[in-house]
Amino acid sequence: MIRNNAQRWGSISIGLHWLTALLIIGLAIVGLIMTELPNSPLKMQIYALHKSFGLTVLALTLLRLAWRLVAGTPDDQPGSRLQRLAAKAVHGLMYFLLLAMPLSGWLFNSAAGFPLRWFNLVQLPKLFTGYNPALKDIAHDLHETGFTLLAALLLVHAGAALFHHYVVKDNTLKRMTGKMP
């Protein structure tokens, strides 16, 4: 099933979800390690890949949001009004951060005066022209704070999915793994 329906997510939504999750985990690991590397051509290549994969997350997030508009979403799982509101808030904040993180990185890169190329194939425009240390610091702080918030929300999101699967025993997790009967 390609499209979403009232009971479950379709294969496109599932694929985009898990691809984004894998990219975010990889970006987090690399992002934490790369700053500690000594200055070298390897470090520059790793930064370039981090930026390219971050821009890929931005594109995938925009695609996911567009697909949600086209394909809709499954009905909410049963639960209290507070649980449904919390789920919507966490999802909304995660989408916001999945957009804000790459944009803050792009702004940081622009304010640092560096060119930005997506996998060395496409030159992206600067969001700000010229070197601007004050804006660079702000963008860096936004990127780091966004990472911390996103990491916390992802833990809440995964924890809630596991809670629903093992404690509540509903189909919340099964709907996103494609394991529904």
Foldseek 3Di string as FASTA:
>chain_A
DQFADQAFHHPVLLVLVVVLVVLLVVLVVLVVPLVPDDDDPVSVVSVLQSLLSLVVLLVSLVVNVVSCVVRPHHHDDDDDPVVVVVVVVLVVLLSVLSNLQSVLVLQLCQQCVHWHDNVVPRTDDRPDHDHDVVSNVVSVVSNVVSSVVNVVSVVVVVVVQVCCCPPVNDCSVVRSVVNDD
